[in-house]
PDB file of all heavy atoms in Angstrom:
ATOM      1  N   ILE A   1      85.070  18.260 111.206  1.00  0.00           N
ATOM      2  CA  ILE A   1      83.982  17.584 110.510  1.00  0.00           C
ATOM      3  C   ILE A   1      84.230  16.094 110.718  1.00  0.00           C
ATOM      4  O   ILE A   1      85.262  15.567 110.299  1.00  0.00           O
ATOM      5  CB  ILE A   1      83.964  17.921 109.005  1.00  0.00           C
ATOM      6  CG1 ILE A   1      83.876  19.424 108.786  1.00  0.00           C
ATOM      7  CG2 ILE A   1      82.812  17.189 108.313  1.00  0.00           C
ATOM      8  CD1 ILE A   1      84.092  19.857 107.343  1.00  0.00           C
ATOM      9  N   TRP A   2      83.301  15.437 111.394  1.00  0.00           N
ATOM     10  CA  TRP A   2      83.406  14.000 111.651  1.00  0.00           C
ATOM     11  C   TRP A   2      82.673  13.277 110.541  1.00  0.00           C
ATOM     12  O   TRP A   2      81.511  13.597 110.245  1.00  0.00           O
ATOM     13  CB  TRP A   2      82.790  13.658 112.999  1.00  0.00           C
ATOM     14  CG  TRP A   2      83.485  14.339 114.143  1.00  0.00           C
ATOM     15  CD1 TRP A   2      83.249  15.607 114.617  1.00  0.00           C
ATOM     16  CD2 TRP A   2      84.539  13.817 114.930  1.00  0.00           C
ATOM     17  NE1 TRP A   2      84.105  15.884 115.665  1.00  0.00           N
ATOM     18  CE2 TRP A   2      84.900  14.801 115.885  1.00  0.00           C
ATOM     19  CE3 TRP A   2      85.215  12.598 114.956  1.00  0.00           C
ATOM     20  CZ2 TRP A   2      85.900  14.612 116.825  1.00  0.00           C
ATOM     21  CZ3 TRP A   2      86.208  12.406 115.897  1.00  0.00           C
ATOM     22  CH2 TRP A   2      86.540  13.409 116.815  1.00  0.00           C
ATOM     23  N   VAL A   3      83.338  12.316 109.897  1.00  0.00           N
ATOM     24  CA  VAL A   3      82.712  11.582 108.803  1.00  0.00           C
ATOM     25  C   VAL A   3      82.855  10.082 109.007  1.00  0.00           C
ATOM     26  O   VAL A   3      83.718   9.622 109.751  1.00  0.00           O
ATOM     27  CB  VAL A   3      83.304  11.979 107.421  1.00  0.00           C
ATOM     28  CG1 VAL A   3      83.110  13.462 107.145  1.00  0.00           C
ATOM     29  CG2 VAL A   3      84.764  11.599 107.307  1.00  0.00           C
ATOM     30  N   ARG A   4      81.986   9.350 108.317  1.00  0.00           N
ATOM     31  CA  ARG A   4      82.055   7.893 108.326  1.00  0.00           C
ATOM     32  C   ARG A   4      81.909   7.424 106.880  1.00  0.00           C
ATOM     33  O   ARG A   4      81.068   7.942 106.146  1.00  0.00           O
ATOM     34  CB  ARG A   4      80.929   7.315 109.178  1.00  0.00           C
ATOM     35  CG  ARG A   4      81.007   5.809 109.353  1.00  0.00           C
ATOM     36  CD  ARG A   4      79.914   5.272 110.280  1.00  0.00           C
ATOM     37  NE  ARG A   4      79.963   5.920 111.583  1.00  0.00           N
ATOM     38  CZ  ARG A   4      78.912   6.475 112.177  1.00  0.00           C
ATOM     39  NH1 ARG A   4      77.741   6.463 111.620  1.00  0.00           N
ATOM     40  NH2 ARG A   4      79.036   7.036 113.361  1.00  0.00           N
ATOM     41  N   LEU A   5      82.749   6.476 106.483  1.00  0.00           N
ATOM     42  CA  LEU A   5      82.707   5.929 105.146  1.00  0.00           C
ATOM     43  C   LEU A   5      83.164   4.484 105.172  1.00  0.00           C
ATOM     44  O   LEU A   5      83.664   4.003 106.193  1.00  0.00           O
ATOM     45  CB  LEU A   5      83.568   6.752 104.181  1.00  0.00           C
ATOM     46  CG  LEU A   5      85.060   6.825 104.474  1.00  0.00           C
ATOM     47  CD1 LEU A   5      85.827   6.857 103.170  1.00  0.00           C
ATOM     48  CD2 LEU A   5      85.379   8.056 105.283  1.00  0.00           C
ATOM     49  N   ASP A   6      82.989   3.813 104.063  1.00  0.00           N
ATOM     50  CA  ASP A   6      83.449   2.429 103.951  1.00  0.00           C
ATOM     51  C   ASP A   6      84.961   2.423 104.153  1.00  0.00           C
ATOM     52  O   ASP A   6      85.677   3.158 103.477  1.00  0.00           O
ATOM     53  CB  ASP A   6      83.085   1.887 102.571  1.00  0.00           C
ATOM     54  CG  ASP A   6      83.398   0.409 102.404  1.00  0.00           C
ATOM     55  OD1 ASP A   6      84.392  -0.074 102.988  1.00  0.00           O
ATOM     56  OD2 ASP A   6      82.655  -0.252 101.674  1.00  0.00           O
ATOM     57  N   PRO A   7      85.466   1.622 105.079  1.00  0.00           N
ATOM     58  CA  PRO A   7      86.910   1.601 105.338  1.00  0.00           C
ATOM     59  C   PRO A   7      87.755   1.349 104.084  1.00  0.00           C
ATOM     60  O   PRO A   7      88.884   1.816 104.006  1.00  0.00           O
ATOM     61  CB  PRO A   7      87.080   0.466 106.351  1.00  0.00           C
ATOM     62  CG  PRO A   7      85.775   0.394 107.055  1.00  0.00           C
ATOM     63  CD  PRO A   7      84.743   0.737 106.005  1.00  0.00           C
ATOM     64  N   GLN A   8      87.206   0.663 103.104  1.00  0.00           N
ATOM     65  CA  GLN A   8      87.937   0.417 101.855  1.00  0.00           C
ATOM     66  C   GLN A   8      88.212   1.703 101.085  1.00  0.00           C
ATOM     67  O   GLN A   8      89.096   1.737 100.235  1.00  0.00           O
ATOM     68  CB  GLN A   8      87.166  -0.549 100.961  1.00  0.00           C
ATOM     69  CG  GLN A   8      87.043  -1.935 101.544  1.00  0.00           C
ATOM     70  CD  GLN A   8      86.230  -2.854 100.653  1.00  0.00           C
ATOM     71  OE1 GLN A   8      85.606  -2.432  99.685  1.00  0.00           O
ATOM     72  NE2 GLN A   8      86.244  -4.131 100.978  1.00  0.00           N
ATOM     73  N   ASN A   9      87.458   2.769 101.374  1.00  0.00           N
ATOM     74  CA  ASN A   9      87.616   4.035 100.652  1.00  0.00           C
ATOM     75  C   ASN A   9      88.507   5.045 101.372  1.00  0.00           C
ATOM     76  O   ASN A   9      88.708   6.154 100.875  1.00  0.00           O
ATOM     77  CB  ASN A   9      86.242   4.664 100.390  1.00  0.00           C
ATOM     78  CG  ASN A   9      85.424   3.852  99.420  1.00  0.00           C
ATOM     79  OD1 ASN A   9      85.953   3.282  98.466  1.00  0.00           O
ATOM     80  ND2 ASN A   9      84.137   3.786  99.662  1.00  0.00           N
ATOM     81  N   ILE A  10      89.038   4.693 102.535  1.00  0.00           N
ATOM     82  CA  ILE A  10      89.834   5.655 103.309  1.00  0.00           C
ATOM     83  C   ILE A  10      91.063   6.129 102.533  1.00  0.00           C
ATOM     84  O   ILE A  10      91.351   7.324 102.494  1.00  0.00           O
ATOM     85  CB  ILE A  10      90.231   5.071 104.683  1.00  0.00           C
ATOM     86  CG1 ILE A  10      88.994   4.954 105.566  1.00  0.00           C
ATOM     87  CG2 ILE A  10      91.292   5.939 105.363  1.00  0.00           C
ATOM     88  CD1 ILE A  10      89.233   4.281 106.912  1.00  0.00           C
ATOM     89  N   ASP A  11      91.785   5.238 101.899  1.00  0.00           N
ATOM     90  CA  ASP A  11      92.989   5.632 101.161  1.00  0.00           C
ATOM     91  C   ASP A  11      92.652   6.599 100.026  1.00  0.00           C
ATOM     92  O   ASP A  11      93.302   7.633  99.869  1.00  0.00           O
ATOM     93  CB  ASP A  11      93.716   4.400 100.626  1.00  0.00           C
ATOM     94  CG  ASP A  11      95.040   4.753  99.991  1.00  0.00           C
ATOM     95  OD1 ASP A  11      95.832   5.467 100.627  1.00  0.00           O
ATOM     96  OD2 ASP A  11      95.279   4.320  98.846  1.00  0.00           O
ATOM     97  N   VAL A  12      91.622   6.289  99.268  1.00  0.00           N
ATOM     98  CA  VAL A  12      91.212   7.171  98.162  1.00  0.00           C
ATOM     99  C   VAL A  12      90.737   8.513  98.717  1.00  0.00           C
ATOM    100  O   VAL A  12      91.056   9.576  98.166  1.00  0.00           O
ATOM    101  CB  VAL A  12      90.108   6.506  97.311  1.00  0.00           C
ATOM    102  CG1 VAL A  12      89.573   7.452  96.256  1.00  0.00           C
ATOM    103  CG2 VAL A  12      90.627   5.233  96.677  1.00  0.00           C
ATOM    104  N   PHE A  13      89.987   8.469  99.819  1.00  0.00           N
ATOM    105  CA  PHE A  13      89.514   9.691 100.458  1.00  0.00           C
ATOM    106  C   PHE A  13      90.697  10.593 100.814  1.00  0.00           C
ATOM    107  O   PHE A  13      90.709  11.784 100.504  1.00  0.00           O
ATOM    108  CB  PHE A  13      88.710   9.329 101.715  1.00  0.00           C
ATOM    109  CG  PHE A  13      88.165  10.511 102.460  1.00  0.00           C
ATOM    110  CD1 PHE A  13      86.959  11.070 102.107  1.00  0.00           C
ATOM    111  CD2 PHE A  13      88.856  11.058 103.532  1.00  0.00           C
ATOM    112  CE1 PHE A  13      86.441  12.158 102.801  1.00  0.00           C
ATOM    113  CE2 PHE A  13      88.362  12.136 104.232  1.00  0.00           C
ATOM    114  CZ  PHE A  13      87.147  12.689 103.862  1.00  0.00           C
ATOM    115  N   ASN A  14      91.708  10.019 101.472  1.00  0.00           N
ATOM    116  CA  ASN A  14      92.898  10.791 101.846  1.00  0.00           C
ATOM    117  C   ASN A  14      93.580  11.386 100.625  1.00  0.00           C
ATOM    118  O   ASN A  14      94.013  12.546 100.647  1.00  0.00           O
ATOM    119  CB  ASN A  14      93.889   9.914 102.610  1.00  0.00           C
ATOM    120  CG  ASN A  14      93.538   9.773 104.065  1.00  0.00           C
ATOM    121  OD1 ASN A  14      93.038  10.690 104.689  1.00  0.00           O
ATOM    122  ND2 ASN A  14      93.781   8.600 104.614  1.00  0.00           N
ATOM    123  N   LYS A  15      93.713  10.610  99.566  1.00  0.00           N
ATOM    124  CA  LYS A  15      94.381  11.106  98.358  1.00  0.00           C
ATOM    125  C   LYS A  15      93.608  12.247  97.711  1.00  0.00           C
ATOM    126  O   LYS A  15      94.202  13.211  97.216  1.00  0.00           O
ATOM    127  CB  LYS A  15      94.608   9.962  97.380  1.00  0.00           C
ATOM    128  CG  LYS A  15      95.702   9.041  97.876  1.00  0.00           C
ATOM    129  CD  LYS A  15      95.961   7.901  96.945  1.00  0.00           C
ATOM    130  CE  LYS A  15      97.172   7.157  97.484  1.00  0.00           C
ATOM    131  NZ  LYS A  15      97.171   5.766  97.275  1.00  0.00           N
ATOM    132  N   ILE A  16      92.284  12.152  97.708  1.00  0.00           N
ATOM    133  CA  ILE A  16      91.473  13.242  97.153  1.00  0.00           C
ATOM    134  C   ILE A  16      91.673  14.509  97.972  1.00  0.00           C
ATOM    135  O   ILE A  16      91.909  15.587  97.418  1.00  0.00           O
ATOM    136  CB  ILE A  16      89.990  12.840  97.095  1.00  0.00           C
ATOM    137  CG1 ILE A  16      89.788  11.762  96.021  1.00  0.00           C
ATOM    138  CG2 ILE A  16      89.109  14.063  96.817  1.00  0.00           C
ATOM    139  CD1 ILE A  16      88.415  11.125  96.024  1.00  0.00           C
ATOM    140  N   ILE A  17      91.588  14.395  99.301  1.00  0.00           N
ATOM    141  CA  ILE A  17      91.766  15.575 100.158  1.00  0.00           C
ATOM    142  C   ILE A  17      93.175  16.150  99.997  1.00  0.00           C
ATOM    143  O   ILE A  17      93.354  17.372  99.904  1.00  0.00           O
ATOM    144  CB  ILE A  17      91.470  15.235 101.637  1.00  0.00           C
ATOM    145  CG1 ILE A  17      90.014  14.787 101.828  1.00  0.00           C
ATOM    146  CG2 ILE A  17      91.804  16.417 102.546  1.00  0.00           C
ATOM    147  CD1 ILE A  17      88.974  15.826 101.509  1.00  0.00           C
ATOM    148  N   GLU A  18      94.191  15.291  99.952  1.00  0.00           N
ATOM    149  CA  GLU A  18      95.573  15.760  99.777  1.00  0.00           C
ATOM    150  C   GLU A  18      95.763  16.463  98.435  1.00  0.00           C
ATOM    151  O   GLU A  18      96.614  17.343  98.310  1.00  0.00           O
ATOM    152  CB  GLU A  18      96.544  14.585  99.876  1.00  0.00           C
ATOM    153  CG  GLU A  18      96.720  14.061 101.277  1.00  0.00           C
ATOM    154  CD  GLU A  18      97.567  12.788 101.328  1.00  0.00           C
ATOM    155  OE1 GLU A  18      98.008  12.304 100.267  1.00  0.00           O
ATOM    156  OE2 GLU A  18      97.774  12.278 102.444  1.00  0.00           O
ATOM    157  N   GLY A  19      94.973  16.078  97.444  1.00  0.00           N
ATOM    158  CA  GLY A  19      95.075  16.702  96.124  1.00  0.00           C
ATOM    159  C   GLY A  19      94.675  18.172  96.131  1.00  0.00           C
ATOM    160  O   GLY A  19      95.043  18.919  95.237  1.00  0.00           O
ATOM    161  N   TYR A  20      93.932  18.571  97.125  1.00  0.00           N
ATOM    162  CA  TYR A  20      93.545  19.972  97.291  1.00  0.00           C
ATOM    163  C   TYR A  20      94.439  20.564  98.377  1.00  0.00           C
ATOM    164  O   TYR A  20      94.101  20.549  99.562  1.00  0.00           O
ATOM    165  CB  TYR A  20      92.073  20.085  97.696  1.00  0.00           C
ATOM    166  CG  TYR A  20      91.118  19.705  96.605  1.00  0.00           C
ATOM    167  CD1 TYR A  20      90.746  18.376  96.402  1.00  0.00           C
ATOM    168  CD2 TYR A  20      90.580  20.674  95.771  1.00  0.00           C
ATOM    169  CE1 TYR A  20      89.863  18.026  95.394  1.00  0.00           C
ATOM    170  CE2 TYR A  20      89.701  20.338  94.761  1.00  0.00           C
ATOM    171  CZ  TYR A  20      89.349  19.005  94.581  1.00  0.00           C
ATOM    172  OH  TYR A  20      88.480  18.662  93.578  1.00  0.00           O
ATOM    173  N   ASP A  21      95.578  21.070  97.991  1.00  0.00           N
ATOM    174  CA  ASP A  21      96.570  21.579  98.943  1.00  0.00           C
ATOM    175  C   ASP A  21      95.948  22.509  99.981  1.00  0.00           C
ATOM    176  O   ASP A  21      95.223  23.439  99.644  1.00  0.00           O
ATOM    177  CB  ASP A  21      97.669  22.346  98.205  1.00  0.00           C
ATOM    178  CG  ASP A  21      98.609  21.425  97.460  1.00  0.00           C
ATOM    179  OD1 ASP A  21      98.714  20.245  97.828  1.00  0.00           O
ATOM    180  OD2 ASP A  21      99.237  21.886  96.487  1.00  0.00           O
ATOM    181  N   ASN A  22      96.226  22.217 101.228  1.00  0.00           N
ATOM    182  CA  ASN A  22      95.840  23.055 102.368  1.00  0.00           C
ATOM    183  C   ASN A  22      94.333  23.211 102.552  1.00  0.00           C
ATOM    184  O   ASN A  22      93.895  24.159 103.177  1.00  0.00           O
ATOM    185  CB  ASN A  22      96.501  24.430 102.267  1.00  0.00           C
ATOM    186  CG  ASN A  22      97.999  24.330 102.253  1.00  0.00           C
ATOM    187  OD1 ASN A  22      98.589  23.581 103.034  1.00  0.00           O
ATOM    188  ND2 ASN A  22      98.643  25.051 101.361  1.00  0.00           N
ATOM    189  N   LEU A  23      93.545  22.305 101.990  1.00  0.00           N
ATOM    190  CA  LEU A  23      92.102  22.387 102.173  1.00  0.00           C
ATOM    191  C   LEU A  23      91.689  21.834 103.532  1.00  0.00           C
ATOM    192  O   LEU A  23      90.909  22.453 104.257  1.00  0.00           O
ATOM    193  CB  LEU A  23      91.369  21.629 101.055  1.00  0.00           C
ATOM    194  CG  LEU A  23      89.851  21.748 101.069  1.00  0.00           C
ATOM    195  CD1 LEU A  23      89.425  23.186 100.773  1.00  0.00           C
ATOM    196  CD2 LEU A  23      89.242  20.800 100.056  1.00  0.00           C
ATOM    197  N   ALA A  24      92.225  20.676 103.890  1.00  0.00           N
ATOM    198  CA  ALA A  24      91.833  20.020 105.141  1.00  0.00           C
ATOM    199  C   ALA A  24      92.908  19.025 105.553  1.00  0.00           C
ATOM    200  O   ALA A  24      93.766  18.647 104.753  1.00  0.00           O
ATOM    201  CB  ALA A  24      90.502  19.303 104.957  1.00  0.00           C
ATOM    202  N   LEU A  25      92.817  18.589 106.787  1.00  0.00           N
ATOM    203  CA  LEU A  25      93.716  17.579 107.329  1.00  0.00           C
ATOM    204  C   LEU A  25      92.857  16.431 107.843  1.00  0.00           C
ATOM    205  O   LEU A  25      91.921  16.641 108.606  1.00  0.00           O
ATOM    206  CB  LEU A  25      94.539  18.164 108.478  1.00  0.00           C
ATOM    207  CG  LEU A  25      95.468  17.213 109.214  1.00  0.00           C
ATOM    208  CD1 LEU A  25      96.580  16.735 108.283  1.00  0.00           C
ATOM    209  CD2 LEU A  25      96.057  17.891 110.423  1.00  0.00           C
ATOM    210  N   VAL A  26      93.170  15.213 107.401  1.00  0.00           N
ATOM    211  CA  VAL A  26      92.379  14.039 107.770  1.00  0.00           C
ATOM    212  C   VAL A  26      93.122  13.227 108.834  1.00  0.00           C
ATOM    213  O   VAL A  26      94.311  12.968 108.704  1.00  0.00           O
ATOM    214  CB  VAL A  26      92.109  13.149 106.532  1.00  0.00           C
ATOM    215  CG1 VAL A  26      91.326  11.901 106.930  1.00  0.00           C
ATOM    216  CG2 VAL A  26      91.376  13.926 105.458  1.00  0.00           C
ATOM    217  N   THR A  27      92.374  12.828 109.875  1.00  0.00           N
ATOM    218  CA  THR A  27      92.899  11.956 110.913  1.00  0.00           C
ATOM    219  C   THR A  27      91.964  10.764 111.038  1.00  0.00           C
ATOM    220  O   THR A  27      90.750  10.941 111.177  1.00  0.00           O
ATOM    221  CB  THR A  27      92.962  12.690 112.270  1.00  0.00           C
ATOM    222  OG1 THR A  27      93.767  13.860 112.130  1.00  0.00           O
ATOM    223  CG2 THR A  27      93.546  11.805 113.349  1.00  0.00           C
ATOM    224  N   ALA A  28      92.528   9.570 110.984  1.00  0.00           N
ATOM    225  CA  ALA A  28      91.729   8.357 111.175  1.00  0.00           C
ATOM    226  C   ALA A  28      91.486   8.171 112.668  1.00  0.00           C
ATOM    227  O   ALA A  28      92.418   8.057 113.447  1.00  0.00           O
ATOM    228  CB  ALA A  28      92.444   7.152 110.582  1.00  0.00           C
ATOM    229  N   ILE A  29      90.225   8.139 113.061  1.00  0.00           N
ATOM    230  CA  ILE A  29      89.858   7.951 114.462  1.00  0.00           C
ATOM    231  C   ILE A  29      89.657   6.462 114.742  1.00  0.00           C
ATOM    232  O   ILE A  29      90.230   5.913 115.665  1.00  0.00           O
ATOM    233  CB  ILE A  29      88.586   8.750 114.815  1.00  0.00           C
ATOM    234  CG1 ILE A  29      88.787  10.246 114.530  1.00  0.00           C
ATOM    235  CG2 ILE A  29      88.183   8.512 116.270  1.00  0.00           C
ATOM    236  CD1 ILE A  29      89.926  10.901 115.284  1.00  0.00           C
ATOM    237  N   GLU A  30      88.836   5.816 113.956  1.00  0.00           N
ATOM    238  CA  GLU A  30      88.591   4.376 114.026  1.00  0.00           C
ATOM    239  C   GLU A  30      88.592   3.847 112.596  1.00  0.00           C
ATOM    240  O   GLU A  30      87.535   3.684 111.990  1.00  0.00           O
ATOM    241  CB  GLU A  30      87.242   4.070 114.691  1.00  0.00           C
ATOM    242  CG  GLU A  30      87.231   4.116 116.177  1.00  0.00           C
ATOM    243  CD  GLU A  30      87.972   2.970 116.829  1.00  0.00           C
ATOM    244  OE1 GLU A  30      88.164   1.915 116.195  1.00  0.00           O
ATOM    245  OE2 GLU A  30      88.378   3.139 117.989  1.00  0.00           O
ATOM    246  N   PRO A  31      89.769   3.609 112.029  1.00  0.00           N
ATOM    247  CA  PRO A  31      89.839   3.214 110.621  1.00  0.00           C
ATOM    248  C   PRO A  31      89.043   1.946 110.294  1.00  0.00           C
ATOM    249  O   PRO A  31      88.435   1.866 109.229  1.00  0.00           O
ATOM    250  CB  PRO A  31      91.321   3.005 110.352  1.00  0.00           C
ATOM    251  CG  PRO A  31      92.043   3.406 111.574  1.00  0.00           C
ATOM    252  CD  PRO A  31      91.067   3.711 112.649  1.00  0.00           C
ATOM    253  N   ALA A  32      89.001   0.989 111.194  1.00  0.00           N
ATOM    254  CA  ALA A  32      88.267  -0.249 110.929  1.00  0.00           C
ATOM    255  C   ALA A  32      86.770   0.003 110.775  1.00  0.00           C
ATOM    256  O   ALA A  32      86.071  -0.761 110.116  1.00  0.00           O
ATOM    257  CB  ALA A  32      88.513  -1.256 112.045  1.00  0.00           C
ATOM    258  N   LEU A  33      86.300   1.105 111.368  1.00  0.00           N
ATOM    259  CA  LEU A  33      84.887   1.467 111.264  1.00  0.00           C
ATOM    260  C   LEU A  33      84.651   2.591 110.264  1.00  0.00           C
ATOM    261  O   LEU A  33      83.521   3.042 110.087  1.00  0.00           O
ATOM    262  CB  LEU A  33      84.354   1.897 112.642  1.00  0.00           C
ATOM    263  CG  LEU A  33      84.447   0.843 113.747  1.00  0.00           C
ATOM    264  CD1 LEU A  33      83.986   1.424 115.070  1.00  0.00           C
ATOM    265  CD2 LEU A  33      83.639  -0.393 113.378  1.00  0.00           C
ATOM    266  N   GLY A  34      85.718   3.075 109.639  1.00  0.00           N
ATOM    267  CA  GLY A  34      85.602   4.153 108.658  1.00  0.00           C
ATOM    268  C   GLY A  34      85.336   5.507 109.271  1.00  0.00           C
ATOM    269  O   GLY A  34      84.822   6.398 108.606  1.00  0.00           O
ATOM    270  N   GLN A  35      85.704   5.708 110.519  1.00  0.00           N
ATOM    271  CA  GLN A  35      85.466   6.975 111.202  1.00  0.00           C
ATOM    272  C   GLN A  35      86.700   7.869 111.096  1.00  0.00           C
ATOM    273  O   GLN A  35      87.785   7.502 111.541  1.00  0.00           O
ATOM    274  CB  GLN A  35      85.107   6.727 112.665  1.00  0.00           C
ATOM    275  CG  GLN A  35      83.818   5.983 112.820  1.00  0.00           C
ATOM    276  CD  GLN A  35      83.496   5.638 114.257  1.00  0.00           C
ATOM    277  OE1 GLN A  35      84.319   5.780 115.155  1.00  0.00           O
ATOM    278  NE2 GLN A  35      82.279   5.174 114.483  1.00  0.00           N
ATOM    279  N   LEU A  36      86.481   9.038 110.510  1.00  0.00           N
ATOM    280  CA  LEU A  36      87.567   9.987 110.282  1.00  0.00           C
ATOM    281  C   LEU A  36      87.205  11.355 110.827  1.00  0.00           C
ATOM    282  O   LEU A  36      86.032  11.721 110.895  1.00  0.00           O
ATOM    283  CB  LEU A  36      87.859  10.123 108.784  1.00  0.00           C
ATOM    284  CG  LEU A  36      88.117   8.849 107.993  1.00  0.00           C
ATOM    285  CD1 LEU A  36      88.252   9.186 106.513  1.00  0.00           C
ATOM    286  CD2 LEU A  36      89.346   8.141 108.500  1.00  0.00           C
ATOM    287  N   LEU A  37      88.231  12.111 111.166  1.00  0.00           N
ATOM    288  CA  LEU A  37      88.086  13.507 111.554  1.00  0.00           C
ATOM    289  C   LEU A  37      88.739  14.346 110.459  1.00  0.00           C
ATOM    290  O   LEU A  37      89.894  14.117 110.108  1.00  0.00           O
ATOM    291  CB  LEU A  37      88.771  13.766 112.895  1.00  0.00           C
ATOM    292  CG  LEU A  37      88.878  15.210 113.352  1.00  0.00           C
ATOM    293  CD1 LEU A  37      87.495  15.824 113.542  1.00  0.00           C
ATOM    294  CD2 LEU A  37      89.687  15.301 114.628  1.00  0.00           C
ATOM    295  N   VAL A  38      87.986  15.292 109.925  1.00  0.00           N
ATOM    296  CA  VAL A  38      88.502  16.191 108.892  1.00  0.00           C
ATOM    297  C   VAL A  38      88.601  17.570 109.529  1.00  0.00           C
ATOM    298  O   VAL A  38      87.598  18.163 109.917  1.00  0.00           O
ATOM    299  CB  VAL A  38      87.567  16.218 107.662  1.00  0.00           C
ATOM    300  CG1 VAL A  38      88.127  17.123 106.587  1.00  0.00           C
ATOM    301  CG2 VAL A  38      87.342  14.801 107.123  1.00  0.00           C
ATOM    302  N   ARG A  39      89.828  18.074 109.650  1.00  0.00           N
ATOM    303  CA  ARG A  39      90.052  19.393 110.267  1.00  0.00           C
ATOM    304  C   ARG A  39      90.151  20.439 109.170  1.00  0.00           C
ATOM    305  O   ARG A  39      90.891  20.261 108.196  1.00  0.00           O
ATOM    306  CB  ARG A  39      91.330  19.372 111.100  1.00  0.00           C
ATOM    307  CG  ARG A  39      91.181  18.502 112.295  1.00  0.00           C
ATOM    308  CD  ARG A  39      92.352  18.630 113.232  1.00  0.00           C
ATOM    309  NE  ARG A  39      92.079  17.796 114.387  1.00  0.00           N
ATOM    310  CZ  ARG A  39      92.940  16.969 114.924  1.00  0.00           C
ATOM    311  NH1 ARG A  39      94.163  16.886 114.455  1.00  0.00           N
ATOM    312  NH2 ARG A  39      92.600  16.238 115.955  1.00  0.00           N
ATOM    313  N   VAL A  40      89.415  21.518 109.368  1.00  0.00           N
ATOM    314  CA  VAL A  40      89.379  22.608 108.402  1.00  0.00           C
ATOM    315  C   VAL A  40      89.513  23.934 109.137  1.00  0.00           C
ATOM    316  O   VAL A  40      89.435  23.986 110.366  1.00  0.00           O
ATOM    317  CB  VAL A  40      88.049  22.594 107.594  1.00  0.00           C
ATOM    318  CG1 VAL A  40      87.924  21.323 106.775  1.00  0.00           C
ATOM    319  CG2 VAL A  40      86.839  22.735 108.503  1.00  0.00           C
ATOM    320  N   THR A  41      89.683  24.993 108.388  1.00  0.00           N
ATOM    321  CA  THR A  41      89.658  26.345 108.943  1.00  0.00           C
ATOM    322  C   THR A  41      88.328  26.983 108.536  1.00  0.00           C
ATOM    323  O   THR A  41      87.640  26.480 107.646  1.00  0.00           O
ATOM    324  CB  THR A  41      90.817  27.199 108.410  1.00  0.00           C
ATOM    325  OG1 THR A  41      90.654  27.370 107.004  1.00  0.00           O
ATOM    326  CG2 THR A  41      92.172  26.566 108.715  1.00  0.00           C
ATOM    327  N   PRO A  42      87.964  28.086 109.169  1.00  0.00           N
ATOM    328  CA  PRO A  42      86.726  28.759 108.754  1.00  0.00           C
ATOM    329  C   PRO A  42      86.728  29.102 107.258  1.00  0.00           C
ATOM    330  O   PRO A  42      85.684  29.048 106.612  1.00  0.00           O
ATOM    331  CB  PRO A  42      86.704  30.019 109.619  1.00  0.00           C
ATOM    332  CG  PRO A  42      87.458  29.628 110.855  1.00  0.00           C
ATOM    333  CD  PRO A  42      88.555  28.716 110.356  1.00  0.00           C
ATOM    334  N   ASP A  43      87.895  29.407 106.713  1.00  0.00           N
ATOM    335  CA  ASP A  43      87.987  29.770 105.294  1.00  0.00           C
ATOM    336  C   ASP A  43      87.830  28.575 104.353  1.00  0.00           C
ATOM    337  O   ASP A  43      87.454  28.756 103.201  1.00  0.00           O
ATOM    338  CB  ASP A  43      89.336  30.436 104.998  1.00  0.00           C
ATOM    339  CG  ASP A  43      89.467  31.793 105.658  1.00  0.00           C
ATOM    340  OD1 ASP A  43      88.437  32.386 106.048  1.00  0.00           O
ATOM    341  OD2 ASP A  43      90.608  32.281 105.774  1.00  0.00           O
ATOM    342  N   THR A  44      88.132  27.371 104.813  1.00  0.00           N
ATOM    343  CA  THR A  44      88.066  26.202 103.931  1.00  0.00           C
ATOM    344  C   THR A  44      86.872  25.285 104.210  1.00  0.00           C
ATOM    345  O   THR A  44      86.648  24.332 103.467  1.00  0.00           O
ATOM    346  CB  THR A  44      89.357  25.361 104.027  1.00  0.00           C
ATOM    347  OG1 THR A  44      89.497  24.844 105.356  1.00  0.00           O
ATOM    348  CG2 THR A  44      90.582  26.175 103.651  1.00  0.00           C
ATOM    349  N   LYS A  45      86.111  25.568 105.249  1.00  0.00           N
ATOM    350  CA  LYS A  45      85.011  24.675 105.622  1.00  0.00           C
ATOM    351  C   LYS A  45      83.976  24.523 104.512  1.00  0.00           C
ATOM    352  O   LYS A  45      83.574  23.416 104.164  1.00  0.00           O
ATOM    353  CB  LYS A  45      84.339  25.160 106.904  1.00  0.00           C
ATOM    354  CG  LYS A  45      83.236  24.232 107.376  1.00  0.00           C
ATOM    355  CD  LYS A  45      82.630  24.686 108.679  1.00  0.00           C
ATOM    356  CE  LYS A  45      81.529  23.722 109.104  1.00  0.00           C
ATOM    357  NZ  LYS A  45      80.915  24.126 110.360  1.00  0.00           N
ATOM    358  N   LYS A  46      83.532  25.618 103.938  1.00  0.00           N
ATOM    359  CA  LYS A  46      82.493  25.574 102.901  1.00  0.00           C
ATOM    360  C   LYS A  46      82.954  24.742 101.700  1.00  0.00           C
ATOM    361  O   LYS A  46      82.221  23.885 101.208  1.00  0.00           O
ATOM    362  CB  LYS A  46      82.132  26.991 102.474  1.00  0.00           C
ATOM    363  CG  LYS A  46      81.034  27.062 101.448  1.00  0.00           C
ATOM    364  CD  LYS A  46      80.709  28.505 101.118  1.00  0.00           C
ATOM    365  CE  LYS A  46      79.681  28.601 100.017  1.00  0.00           C
ATOM    366  NZ  LYS A  46      79.398  29.993  99.674  1.00  0.00           N
TER     367      LYS A  46
END
């Protein structure tokens, strides 16, 4: 899942996702532009 958000919110975004153990893995693609890749499994996508 490719997402874009305000770069100022990237840290909070990561912390929220990390708070849900094993839900998804976040990779910063272009942090200055707020572009992130969120990796999920078929079971966690929804």
